[in-house]
Amino acid sequence: FRGGKGVATGFGVFLVAAPTAALAAIDAALDSRPSAIQLTTGRLGDGGHAVGVGGTVDGVQAIEIVVVWRVDNLIDSLVAEGRLGGLQLGQLLPLAATQTADEAGG
């Protein structure tokens, strides 16, 4: 996110030995971030979680949305940053659902 323009995104997939415990630890860490707001992912993979964290960049109100979810023994993450009121979780969930379907073989 530079100068209040555009959207920056990042995407990651991690193979873990204890995915349920790993996702719970990630959820707790995200929730503990200062000013983190829990967001509802609905049914996403084998468990999903999202938070939004607001801030200001060059005088422009911005938000970072972090979505994490599990598909079998994989932990997926998607991070996006954009203008507050412009970027919304609903824009990210279709990307997450597509990734989930690809991983689940569907």
PDB file of N, CA and C in Angstrom:
ATOM      1  N   PHE A   1       0.857  -1.172   0.000  1.00  0.00           N
ATOM      2  CA  PHE A   1       0.000   0.000   0.000  1.00  0.00           C
ATOM      3  C   PHE A   1       0.890   1.218   0.000  1.00  0.00           C
ATOM      4  N   ARG A   2       0.920   1.949  -1.061  1.00  0.00           N
ATOM      5  CA  ARG A   2       1.796   3.108  -1.182  1.00  0.00           C
ATOM      6  C   ARG A   2       0.961   4.345  -1.477  1.00  0.00           C
ATOM      7  N   GLY A   3       1.074   5.345  -0.640  1.00  0.00           N
ATOM      8  CA  GLY A   3       0.426   6.617  -0.895  1.00  0.00           C
ATOM      9  C   GLY A   3      -1.081   6.541  -1.032  1.00  0.00           C
ATOM     10  N   GLY A   4      -1.712   5.541  -0.421  1.00  0.00           N
ATOM     11  CA  GLY A   4      -3.170   5.444  -0.460  1.00  0.00           C
ATOM     12  C   GLY A   4      -3.731   4.913  -1.765  1.00  0.00           C
ATOM     13  N   LYS A   5      -2.906   4.364  -2.629  1.00  0.00           N
ATOM     14  CA  LYS A   5      -3.383   3.868  -3.918  1.00  0.00           C
ATOM     15  C   LYS A   5      -3.175   2.367  -4.004  1.00  0.00           C
ATOM     16  N   GLY A   6      -4.110   1.689  -4.629  1.00  0.00           N
ATOM     17  CA  GLY A   6      -3.940   0.275  -4.911  1.00  0.00           C
ATOM     18  C   GLY A   6      -4.167  -0.629  -3.720  1.00  0.00           C
ATOM     19  N   VAL A   7      -3.942  -1.901  -3.974  1.00  0.00           N
ATOM     20  CA  VAL A   7      -4.075  -2.935  -2.957  1.00  0.00           C
ATOM     21  C   VAL A   7      -2.848  -3.823  -3.037  1.00  0.00           C
ATOM     22  N   ALA A   8      -2.229  -4.077  -1.908  1.00  0.00           N
ATOM     23  CA  ALA A   8      -1.098  -4.994  -1.851  1.00  0.00           C
ATOM     24  C   ALA A   8      -1.599  -6.308  -1.286  1.00  0.00           C
ATOM     25  N   THR A   9      -1.186  -7.421  -1.884  1.00  0.00           N
ATOM     26  CA  THR A   9      -1.632  -8.720  -1.394  1.00  0.00           C
ATOM     27  C   THR A   9      -0.458  -9.668  -1.264  1.00  0.00           C
ATOM     28  N   GLY A  10      -0.612 -10.648  -0.412  1.00  0.00           N
ATOM     29  CA  GLY A  10       0.358 -11.717  -0.254  1.00  0.00           C
ATOM     30  C   GLY A  10      -0.385 -13.008  -0.008  1.00  0.00           C
ATOM     31  N   PHE A  11       0.209 -14.125  -0.405  1.00  0.00           N
ATOM     32  CA  PHE A  11      -0.471 -15.394  -0.299  1.00  0.00           C
ATOM     33  C   PHE A  11       0.549 -16.439   0.116  1.00  0.00           C
ATOM     34  N   GLY A  12       0.203 -17.308   1.046  1.00  0.00           N
ATOM     35  CA  GLY A  12       1.131 -18.343   1.470  1.00  0.00           C
ATOM     36  C   GLY A  12       0.417 -19.643   1.761  1.00  0.00           C
ATOM     37  N   VAL A  13       1.135 -20.750   1.578  1.00  0.00           N
ATOM     38  CA  VAL A  13       0.631 -22.080   1.908  1.00  0.00           C
ATOM     39  C   VAL A  13       1.750 -22.791   2.660  1.00  0.00           C
ATOM     40  N   PHE A  14       1.419 -23.362   3.819  1.00  0.00           N
ATOM     41  CA  PHE A  14       2.419 -24.007   4.657  1.00  0.00           C
ATOM     42  C   PHE A  14       1.945 -25.404   5.037  1.00  0.00           C
ATOM     43  N   LEU A  15       2.789 -26.401   4.860  1.00  0.00           N
ATOM     44  CA  LEU A  15       2.509 -27.769   5.259  1.00  0.00           C
ATOM     45  C   LEU A  15       2.942 -27.920   6.712  1.00  0.00           C
ATOM     46  N   VAL A  16       2.033 -28.366   7.576  1.00  0.00           N
ATOM     47  CA  VAL A  16       2.359 -28.490   8.993  1.00  0.00           C
ATOM     48  C   VAL A  16       1.958 -29.874   9.507  1.00  0.00           C
ATOM     49  N   ALA A  17       2.641 -30.321  10.580  1.00  0.00           N
ATOM     50  CA  ALA A  17       2.394 -31.642  11.138  1.00  0.00           C
ATOM     51  C   ALA A  17       1.134 -31.685  12.001  1.00  0.00           C
ATOM     52  N   ALA A  18       0.842 -30.620  12.727  1.00  0.00           N
ATOM     53  CA  ALA A  18      -0.333 -30.573  13.603  1.00  0.00           C
ATOM     54  C   ALA A  18      -1.181 -29.366  13.191  1.00  0.00           C
ATOM     55  N   PRO A  19      -1.920 -29.481  12.081  1.00  0.00           N
ATOM     56  CA  PRO A  19      -2.574 -28.313  11.499  1.00  0.00           C
ATOM     57  C   PRO A  19      -3.626 -27.653  12.385  1.00  0.00           C
ATOM     58  N   THR A  20      -4.395 -28.419  13.135  1.00  0.00           N
ATOM     59  CA  THR A  20      -5.426 -27.812  13.979  1.00  0.00           C
ATOM     60  C   THR A  20      -4.790 -26.962  15.065  1.00  0.00           C
ATOM     61  N   ALA A  21      -3.765 -27.484  15.720  1.00  0.00           N
ATOM     62  CA  ALA A  21      -3.062 -26.730  16.761  1.00  0.00           C
ATOM     63  C   ALA A  21      -2.341 -25.524  16.174  1.00  0.00           C
ATOM     64  N   ALA A  22      -1.749 -25.707  15.004  1.00  0.00           N
ATOM     65  CA  ALA A  22      -1.038 -24.600  14.363  1.00  0.00           C
ATOM     66  C   ALA A  22      -1.999 -23.468  14.016  1.00  0.00           C
ATOM     67  N   LEU A  23      -3.167 -23.813  13.476  1.00  0.00           N
ATOM     68  CA  LEU A  23      -4.138 -22.780  13.124  1.00  0.00           C
ATOM     69  C   LEU A  23      -4.643 -22.069  14.376  1.00  0.00           C
ATOM     70  N   ALA A  24      -4.861 -22.800  15.456  1.00  0.00           N
ATOM     71  CA  ALA A  24      -5.301 -22.179  16.707  1.00  0.00           C
ATOM     72  C   ALA A  24      -4.258 -21.190  17.218  1.00  0.00           C
ATOM     73  N   ALA A  25      -2.985 -21.541  17.113  1.00  0.00           N
ATOM     74  CA  ALA A  25      -1.917 -20.641  17.553  1.00  0.00           C
ATOM     75  C   ALA A  25      -1.845 -19.396  16.672  1.00  0.00           C
ATOM     76  N   ILE A  26      -2.007 -19.573  15.374  1.00  0.00           N
ATOM     77  CA  ILE A  26      -2.000 -18.431  14.453  1.00  0.00           C
ATOM     78  C   ILE A  26      -3.191 -17.524  14.735  1.00  0.00           C
ATOM     79  N   ASP A  27      -4.370 -18.120  14.942  1.00  0.00           N
ATOM     80  CA  ASP A  27      -5.572 -17.332  15.259  1.00  0.00           C
ATOM     81  C   ASP A  27      -5.345 -16.484  16.501  1.00  0.00           C
ATOM     82  N   ALA A  28      -4.791 -17.096  17.541  1.00  0.00           N
ATOM     83  CA  ALA A  28      -4.546 -16.376  18.795  1.00  0.00           C
ATOM     84  C   ALA A  28      -3.554 -15.227  18.589  1.00  0.00           C
ATOM     85  N   ALA A  29      -2.518 -15.484  17.801  1.00  0.00           N
ATOM     86  CA  ALA A  29      -1.528 -14.437  17.537  1.00  0.00           C
ATOM     87  C   ALA A  29      -2.153 -13.279  16.758  1.00  0.00           C
ATOM     88  N   LEU A  30      -2.991 -13.586  15.774  1.00  0.00           N
ATOM     89  CA  LEU A  30      -3.655 -12.528  15.004  1.00  0.00           C
ATOM     90  C   LEU A  30      -4.599 -11.722  15.895  1.00  0.00           C
ATOM     91  N   ASP A  31      -5.364 -12.418  16.729  1.00  0.00           N
ATOM     92  CA  ASP A  31      -6.317 -11.743  17.603  1.00  0.00           C
ATOM     93  C   ASP A  31      -5.635 -10.851  18.622  1.00  0.00           C
ATOM     94  N   SER A  32      -4.389 -11.165  18.979  1.00  0.00           N
ATOM     95  CA  SER A  32      -3.685 -10.388  19.991  1.00  0.00           C
ATOM     96  C   SER A  32      -3.024  -9.120  19.432  1.00  0.00           C
ATOM     97  N   ARG A  33      -3.061  -8.943  18.122  1.00  0.00           N
ATOM     98  CA  ARG A  33      -2.479  -7.725  17.533  1.00  0.00           C
ATOM     99  C   ARG A  33      -3.250  -6.507  18.023  1.00  0.00           C
ATOM    100  N   PRO A  34      -2.552  -5.418  18.324  1.00  0.00           N
ATOM    101  CA  PRO A  34      -3.247  -4.212  18.778  1.00  0.00           C
ATOM    102  C   PRO A  34      -4.299  -3.763  17.760  1.00  0.00           C
ATOM    103  N   SER A  35      -5.460  -3.462  18.232  1.00  0.00           N
ATOM    104  CA  SER A  35      -6.620  -2.978  17.458  1.00  0.00           C
ATOM    105  C   SER A  35      -7.139  -3.972  16.414  1.00  0.00           C
ATOM    106  N   ALA A  36      -6.808  -5.263  16.569  1.00  0.00           N
ATOM    107  CA  ALA A  36      -7.312  -6.280  15.635  1.00  0.00           C
ATOM    108  C   ALA A  36      -8.808  -6.475  15.845  1.00  0.00           C
ATOM    109  N   ILE A  37      -9.534  -6.566  14.743  1.00  0.00           N
ATOM    110  CA  ILE A  37     -10.971  -6.803  14.765  1.00  0.00           C
ATOM    111  C   ILE A  37     -11.218  -8.146  14.087  1.00  0.00           C
ATOM    112  N   GLN A  38     -11.855  -9.069  14.804  1.00  0.00           N
ATOM    113  CA  GLN A  38     -12.158 -10.365  14.218  1.00  0.00           C
ATOM    114  C   GLN A  38     -13.227 -10.211  13.144  1.00  0.00           C
ATOM    115  N   LEU A  39     -13.018 -10.891  12.026  1.00  0.00           N
ATOM    116  CA  LEU A  39     -13.954 -10.883  10.907  1.00  0.00           C
ATOM    117  C   LEU A  39     -14.435 -12.307  10.653  1.00  0.00           C
ATOM    118  N   THR A  40     -15.625 -12.455  10.139  1.00  0.00           N
ATOM    119  CA  THR A  40     -16.209 -13.769   9.905  1.00  0.00           C
ATOM    120  C   THR A  40     -15.892 -14.254   8.495  1.00  0.00           C
ATOM    121  N   THR A  41     -15.280 -15.442   8.409  1.00  0.00           N
ATOM    122  CA  THR A  41     -14.962 -16.022   7.103  1.00  0.00           C
ATOM    123  C   THR A  41     -16.064 -16.946   6.610  1.00  0.00           C
ATOM    124  N   GLY A  42     -17.028 -17.269   7.464  1.00  0.00           N
ATOM    125  CA  GLY A  42     -18.016 -18.268   7.077  1.00  0.00           C
ATOM    126  C   GLY A  42     -17.332 -19.619   6.989  1.00  0.00           C
ATOM    127  N   ARG A  43     -17.852 -20.486   6.163  1.00  0.00           N
ATOM    128  CA  ARG A  43     -17.271 -21.824   6.005  1.00  0.00           C
ATOM    129  C   ARG A  43     -16.130 -21.739   4.987  1.00  0.00           C
ATOM    130  N   LEU A  44     -14.918 -21.875   5.474  1.00  0.00           N
ATOM    131  CA  LEU A  44     -13.742 -21.780   4.613  1.00  0.00           C
ATOM    132  C   LEU A  44     -12.798 -22.917   4.971  1.00  0.00           C
ATOM    133  N   GLY A  45     -12.615 -23.839   4.057  1.00  0.00           N
ATOM    134  CA  GLY A  45     -11.734 -24.972   4.291  1.00  0.00           C
ATOM    135  C   GLY A  45     -12.186 -25.765   5.506  1.00  0.00           C
ATOM    136  N   ASP A  46     -11.204 -26.244   6.271  1.00  0.00           N
ATOM    137  CA  ASP A  46     -11.483 -27.010   7.487  1.00  0.00           C
ATOM    138  C   ASP A  46     -11.447 -26.115   8.719  1.00  0.00           C
ATOM    139  N   GLY A  47     -11.527 -24.839   8.517  1.00  0.00           N
ATOM    140  CA  GLY A  47     -11.518 -23.858   9.599  1.00  0.00           C
ATOM    141  C   GLY A  47     -10.869 -22.584   9.112  1.00  0.00           C
ATOM    142  N   GLY A  48     -11.564 -21.475   9.215  1.00  0.00           N
ATOM    143  CA  GLY A  48     -11.035 -20.203   8.742  1.00  0.00           C
ATOM    144  C   GLY A  48     -11.115 -19.131   9.803  1.00  0.00           C
ATOM    145  N   HIS A  49     -10.271 -18.131   9.671  1.00  0.00           N
ATOM    146  CA  HIS A  49     -10.221 -17.023  10.623  1.00  0.00           C
ATOM    147  C   HIS A  49      -9.708 -15.795   9.874  1.00  0.00           C
ATOM    148  N   ALA A  50     -10.199 -14.639  10.251  1.00  0.00           N
ATOM    149  CA  ALA A  50      -9.715 -13.402   9.632  1.00  0.00           C
ATOM    150  C   ALA A  50      -9.739 -12.273  10.648  1.00  0.00           C
ATOM    151  N   VAL A  51      -8.813 -11.341  10.480  1.00  0.00           N
ATOM    152  CA  VAL A  51      -8.790 -10.122  11.287  1.00  0.00           C
ATOM    153  C   VAL A  51      -8.514  -8.940  10.379  1.00  0.00           C
ATOM    154  N   GLY A  52      -8.997  -7.799  10.806  1.00  0.00           N
ATOM    155  CA  GLY A  52      -8.692  -6.542  10.144  1.00  0.00           C
ATOM    156  C   GLY A  52      -7.990  -5.632  11.132  1.00  0.00           C
ATOM    157  N   VAL A  53      -6.965  -4.925  10.668  1.00  0.00           N
ATOM    158  CA  VAL A  53      -6.239  -3.969  11.498  1.00  0.00           C
ATOM    159  C   VAL A  53      -6.162  -2.662  10.728  1.00  0.00           C
ATOM    160  N   GLY A  54      -6.697  -1.618  11.328  1.00  0.00           N
ATOM    161  CA  GLY A  54      -6.707  -0.314  10.677  1.00  0.00           C
ATOM    162  C   GLY A  54      -5.492   0.510  11.034  1.00  0.00           C
ATOM    163  N   GLY A  55      -5.225   1.503  10.216  1.00  0.00           N
ATOM    164  CA  GLY A  55      -4.122   2.421  10.450  1.00  0.00           C
ATOM    165  C   GLY A  55      -4.201   3.569   9.470  1.00  0.00           C
ATOM    166  N   THR A  56      -3.173   4.389   9.467  1.00  0.00           N
ATOM    167  CA  THR A  56      -3.110   5.529   8.562  1.00  0.00           C
ATOM    168  C   THR A  56      -1.786   5.496   7.811  1.00  0.00           C
ATOM    169  N   VAL A  57      -1.847   5.681   6.496  1.00  0.00           N
ATOM    170  CA  VAL A  57      -0.660   5.730   5.656  1.00  0.00           C
ATOM    171  C   VAL A  57      -0.704   7.047   4.897  1.00  0.00           C
ATOM    172  N   ASP A  58       0.265   7.900   5.129  1.00  0.00           N
ATOM    173  CA  ASP A  58       0.322   9.209   4.469  1.00  0.00           C
ATOM    174  C   ASP A  58      -1.007   9.955   4.579  1.00  0.00           C
ATOM    175  N   GLY A  59      -1.631   9.884   5.763  1.00  0.00           N
ATOM    176  CA  GLY A  59      -2.879  10.601   6.004  1.00  0.00           C
ATOM    177  C   GLY A  59      -4.124   9.914   5.476  1.00  0.00           C
ATOM    178  N   VAL A  60      -3.988   8.740   4.882  1.00  0.00           N
ATOM    179  CA  VAL A  60      -5.121   7.993   4.331  1.00  0.00           C
ATOM    180  C   VAL A  60      -5.439   6.834   5.271  1.00  0.00           C
ATOM    181  N   GLN A  61      -6.710   6.695   5.659  1.00  0.00           N
ATOM    182  CA  GLN A  61      -7.094   5.568   6.496  1.00  0.00           C
ATOM    183  C   GLN A  61      -6.989   4.290   5.681  1.00  0.00           C
ATOM    184  N   ALA A  62      -6.316   3.300   6.262  1.00  0.00           N
ATOM    185  CA  ALA A  62      -6.063   2.044   5.567  1.00  0.00           C
ATOM    186  C   ALA A  62      -6.445   0.873   6.455  1.00  0.00           C
ATOM    187  N   ILE A  63      -6.554  -0.298   5.831  1.00  0.00           N
ATOM    188  CA  ILE A  63      -6.829  -1.522   6.566  1.00  0.00           C
ATOM    189  C   ILE A  63      -5.980  -2.651   5.989  1.00  0.00           C
ATOM    190  N   GLU A  64      -5.536  -3.505   6.883  1.00  0.00           N
ATOM    191  CA  GLU A  64      -4.880  -4.748   6.488  1.00  0.00           C
ATOM    192  C   GLU A  64      -5.811  -5.871   6.912  1.00  0.00           C
ATOM    193  N   ILE A  65      -6.125  -6.759   5.991  1.00  0.00           N
ATOM    194  CA  ILE A  65      -6.962  -7.916   6.300  1.00  0.00           C
ATOM    195  C   ILE A  65      -6.114  -9.164   6.127  1.00  0.00           C
ATOM    196  N   VAL A  66      -6.102  -9.986   7.172  1.00  0.00           N
ATOM    197  CA  VAL A  66      -5.361 -11.247   7.153  1.00  0.00           C
ATOM    198  C   VAL A  66      -6.377 -12.380   7.273  1.00  0.00           C
ATOM    199  N   VAL A  67      -6.339 -13.294   6.312  1.00  0.00           N
ATOM    200  CA  VAL A  67      -7.222 -14.461   6.322  1.00  0.00           C
ATOM    201  C   VAL A  67      -6.331 -15.695   6.418  1.00  0.00           C
ATOM    202  N   VAL A  68      -6.641 -16.580   7.362  1.00  0.00           N
ATOM    203  CA  VAL A  68      -5.935 -17.860   7.463  1.00  0.00           C
ATOM    204  C   VAL A  68      -6.978 -18.969   7.519  1.00  0.00           C
ATOM    205  N   TRP A  69      -6.650 -20.105   6.928  1.00  0.00           N
ATOM    206  CA  TRP A  69      -7.564 -21.231   6.963  1.00  0.00           C
ATOM    207  C   TRP A  69      -6.780 -22.516   6.744  1.00  0.00           C
ATOM    208  N   ARG A  70      -7.451 -23.627   7.045  1.00  0.00           N
ATOM    209  CA  ARG A  70      -6.815 -24.939   6.956  1.00  0.00           C
ATOM    210  C   ARG A  70      -7.533 -25.792   5.926  1.00  0.00           C
ATOM    211  N   VAL A  71      -6.738 -26.522   5.137  1.00  0.00           N
ATOM    212  CA  VAL A  71      -7.237 -27.552   4.229  1.00  0.00           C
ATOM    213  C   VAL A  71      -6.391 -28.780   4.508  1.00  0.00           C
ATOM    214  N   ASP A  72      -6.985 -29.773   5.168  1.00  0.00           N
ATOM    215  CA  ASP A  72      -6.257 -30.970   5.604  1.00  0.00           C
ATOM    216  C   ASP A  72      -5.053 -30.558   6.438  1.00  0.00           C
ATOM    217  N   ASN A  73      -3.837 -30.870   5.999  1.00  0.00           N
ATOM    218  CA  ASN A  73      -2.657 -30.516   6.780  1.00  0.00           C
ATOM    219  C   ASN A  73      -1.921 -29.295   6.216  1.00  0.00           C
ATOM    220  N   LEU A  74      -2.637 -28.480   5.450  1.00  0.00           N
ATOM    221  CA  LEU A  74      -2.070 -27.240   4.910  1.00  0.00           C
ATOM    222  C   LEU A  74      -2.697 -26.047   5.627  1.00  0.00           C
ATOM    223  N   ILE A  75      -1.882 -25.060   5.936  1.00  0.00           N
ATOM    224  CA  ILE A  75      -2.368 -23.785   6.460  1.00  0.00           C
ATOM    225  C   ILE A  75      -2.167 -22.761   5.351  1.00  0.00           C
ATOM    226  N   ASP A  76      -3.238 -22.120   4.964  1.00  0.00           N
ATOM    227  CA  ASP A  76      -3.196 -21.094   3.917  1.00  0.00           C
ATOM    228  C   ASP A  76      -3.326 -19.714   4.554  1.00  0.00           C
ATOM    229  N   SER A  77      -2.753 -18.723   3.907  1.00  0.00           N
ATOM    230  CA  SER A  77      -2.916 -17.350   4.369  1.00  0.00           C
ATOM    231  C   SER A  77      -3.018 -16.412   3.178  1.00  0.00           C
ATOM    232  N   LEU A  78      -3.773 -15.365   3.385  1.00  0.00           N
ATOM    233  CA  LEU A  78      -3.945 -14.326   2.382  1.00  0.00           C
ATOM    234  C   LEU A  78      -3.952 -12.996   3.119  1.00  0.00           C
ATOM    235  N   VAL A  79      -3.104 -12.077   2.694  1.00  0.00           N
ATOM    236  CA  VAL A  79      -2.999 -10.766   3.331  1.00  0.00           C
ATOM    237  C   VAL A  79      -3.216  -9.707   2.259  1.00  0.00           C
ATOM    238  N   ALA A  80      -4.072  -8.752   2.576  1.00  0.00           N
ATOM    239  CA  ALA A  80      -4.308  -7.650   1.642  1.00  0.00           C
ATOM    240  C   ALA A  80      -4.364  -6.345   2.416  1.00  0.00           C
ATOM    241  N   GLU A  81      -3.906  -5.293   1.778  1.00  0.00           N
ATOM    242  CA  GLU A  81      -3.939  -3.951   2.367  1.00  0.00           C
ATOM    243  C   GLU A  81      -4.562  -2.998   1.368  1.00  0.00           C
ATOM    244  N   GLY A  82      -5.372  -2.089   1.870  1.00  0.00           N
ATOM    245  CA  GLY A  82      -6.015  -1.118   0.993  1.00  0.00           C
ATOM    246  C   GLY A  82      -6.693  -0.026   1.791  1.00  0.00           C
ATOM    247  N   ARG A  83      -7.422   0.814   1.096  1.00  0.00           N
ATOM    248  CA  ARG A  83      -8.144   1.903   1.754  1.00  0.00           C
ATOM    249  C   ARG A  83      -9.248   1.364   2.651  1.00  0.00           C
ATOM    250  N   LEU A  84      -9.380   1.966   3.826  1.00  0.00           N
ATOM    251  CA  LEU A  84     -10.487   1.631   4.715  1.00  0.00           C
ATOM    252  C   LEU A  84     -11.784   2.007   4.014  1.00  0.00           C
ATOM    253  N   GLY A  85     -12.717   1.070   3.928  1.00  0.00           N
ATOM    254  CA  GLY A  85     -13.972   1.287   3.222  1.00  0.00           C
ATOM    255  C   GLY A  85     -13.923   0.838   1.775  1.00  0.00           C
ATOM    256  N   GLY A  86     -12.724   0.680   1.237  1.00  0.00           N
ATOM    257  CA  GLY A  86     -12.576   0.201  -0.137  1.00  0.00           C
ATOM    258  C   GLY A  86     -12.301  -1.288  -0.163  1.00  0.00           C
ATOM    259  N   LEU A  87     -11.272  -1.701   0.584  1.00  0.00           N
ATOM    260  CA  LEU A  87     -10.935  -3.121   0.684  1.00  0.00           C
ATOM    261  C   LEU A  87     -11.870  -3.778   1.680  1.00  0.00           C
ATOM    262  N   GLN A  88     -12.450  -4.908   1.279  1.00  0.00           N
ATOM    263  CA  GLN A  88     -13.365  -5.624   2.166  1.00  0.00           C
ATOM    264  C   GLN A  88     -13.085  -7.115   2.113  1.00  0.00           C
ATOM    265  N   LEU A  89     -13.387  -7.791   3.207  1.00  0.00           N
ATOM    266  CA  LEU A  89     -13.170  -9.232   3.295  1.00  0.00           C
ATOM    267  C   LEU A  89     -13.876  -9.971   2.165  1.00  0.00           C
ATOM    268  N   GLY A  90     -15.047  -9.513   1.767  1.00  0.00           N
ATOM    269  CA  GLY A  90     -15.799 -10.161   0.694  1.00  0.00           C
ATOM    270  C   GLY A  90     -15.056 -10.210  -0.628  1.00  0.00           C
ATOM    271  N   GLN A  91     -14.076  -9.332  -0.815  1.00  0.00           N
ATOM    272  CA  GLN A  91     -13.263  -9.368  -2.027  1.00  0.00           C
ATOM    273  C   GLN A  91     -12.211 -10.469  -1.964  1.00  0.00           C
ATOM    274  N   LEU A  92     -11.820 -10.862  -0.759  1.00  0.00           N
ATOM    275  CA  LEU A  92     -10.758 -11.842  -0.583  1.00  0.00           C
ATOM    276  C   LEU A  92     -11.273 -13.272  -0.502  1.00  0.00           C
ATOM    277  N   LEU A  93     -12.470 -13.440   0.021  1.00  0.00           N
ATOM    278  CA  LEU A  93     -12.992 -14.793   0.221  1.00  0.00           C
ATOM    279  C   LEU A  93     -13.104 -15.612  -1.059  1.00  0.00           C
ATOM    280  N   PRO A  94     -13.484 -15.034  -2.216  1.00  0.00           N
ATOM    281  CA  PRO A  94     -13.488 -15.841  -3.449  1.00  0.00           C
ATOM    282  C   PRO A  94     -12.094 -16.370  -3.819  1.00  0.00           C
ATOM    283  N   LEU A  95     -11.050 -15.582  -3.572  1.00  0.00           N
ATOM    284  CA  LEU A  95      -9.686 -16.054  -3.827  1.00  0.00           C
ATOM    285  C   LEU A  95      -9.347 -17.220  -2.910  1.00  0.00           C
ATOM    286  N   ALA A  96      -9.717 -17.084  -1.643  1.00  0.00           N
ATOM    287  CA  ALA A  96      -9.467 -18.152  -0.678  1.00  0.00           C
ATOM    288  C   ALA A  96     -10.249 -19.409  -1.041  1.00  0.00           C
ATOM    289  N   ALA A  97     -11.479 -19.244  -1.466  1.00  0.00           N
ATOM    290  CA  ALA A  97     -12.308 -20.400  -1.853  1.00  0.00           C
ATOM    291  C   ALA A  97     -11.733 -21.115  -3.071  1.00  0.00           C
ATOM    292  N   THR A  98     -11.216 -20.361  -4.026  1.00  0.00           N
ATOM    293  CA  THR A  98     -10.585 -20.958  -5.208  1.00  0.00           C
ATOM    294  C   THR A  98      -9.348 -21.752  -4.806  1.00  0.00           C
ATOM    295  N   GLN A  99      -8.536 -21.181  -3.942  1.00  0.00           N
ATOM    296  CA  GLN A  99      -7.334 -21.881  -3.463  1.00  0.00           C
ATOM    297  C   GLN A  99      -7.724 -23.162  -2.725  1.00  0.00           C
ATOM    298  N   THR A 100      -8.757 -23.071  -1.902  1.00  0.00           N
ATOM    299  CA  THR A 100      -9.241 -24.239  -1.152  1.00  0.00           C
ATOM    300  C   THR A 100      -9.698 -25.337  -2.101  1.00  0.00           C
ATOM    301  N   ALA A 101     -10.468 -24.987  -3.110  1.00  0.00           N
ATOM    302  CA  ALA A 101     -10.949 -25.970  -4.087  1.00  0.00           C
ATOM    303  C   ALA A 101      -9.781 -26.621  -4.828  1.00  0.00           C
ATOM    304  N   ASP A 102      -8.770 -25.825  -5.179  1.00  0.00           N
ATOM    305  CA  ASP A 102      -7.594 -26.377  -5.870  1.00  0.00           C
ATOM    306  C   ASP A 102      -6.872 -27.401  -4.986  1.00  0.00           C
ATOM    307  N   GLU A 103      -6.729 -27.070  -3.719  1.00  0.00           N
ATOM    308  CA  GLU A 103      -6.016 -27.956  -2.798  1.00  0.00           C
ATOM    309  C   GLU A 103      -6.815 -29.199  -2.460  1.00  0.00           C
ATOM    310  N   ALA A 104      -8.125 -29.049  -2.389  1.00  0.00           N
ATOM    311  CA  ALA A 104      -8.987 -30.177  -2.044  1.00  0.00           C
ATOM    312  C   ALA A 104      -9.258 -31.079  -3.254  1.00  0.00           C
ATOM    313  N   GLY A 105      -8.731 -30.683  -4.408  1.00  0.00           N
ATOM    314  CA  GLY A 105      -8.907 -31.489  -5.611  1.00  0.00           C
ATOM    315  C   GLY A 105     -10.242 -31.293  -6.266  1.00  0.00           C
ATOM    316  N   GLY A 106     -10.928 -30.184  -5.924  1.00  0.00           N
ATOM    317  CA  GLY A 106     -12.246 -29.954  -6.493  1.00  0.00           C
ATOM    318  C   GLY A 106     -12.231 -28.787  -7.366  1.00  0.00           C
TER     319      GLY A 106
END
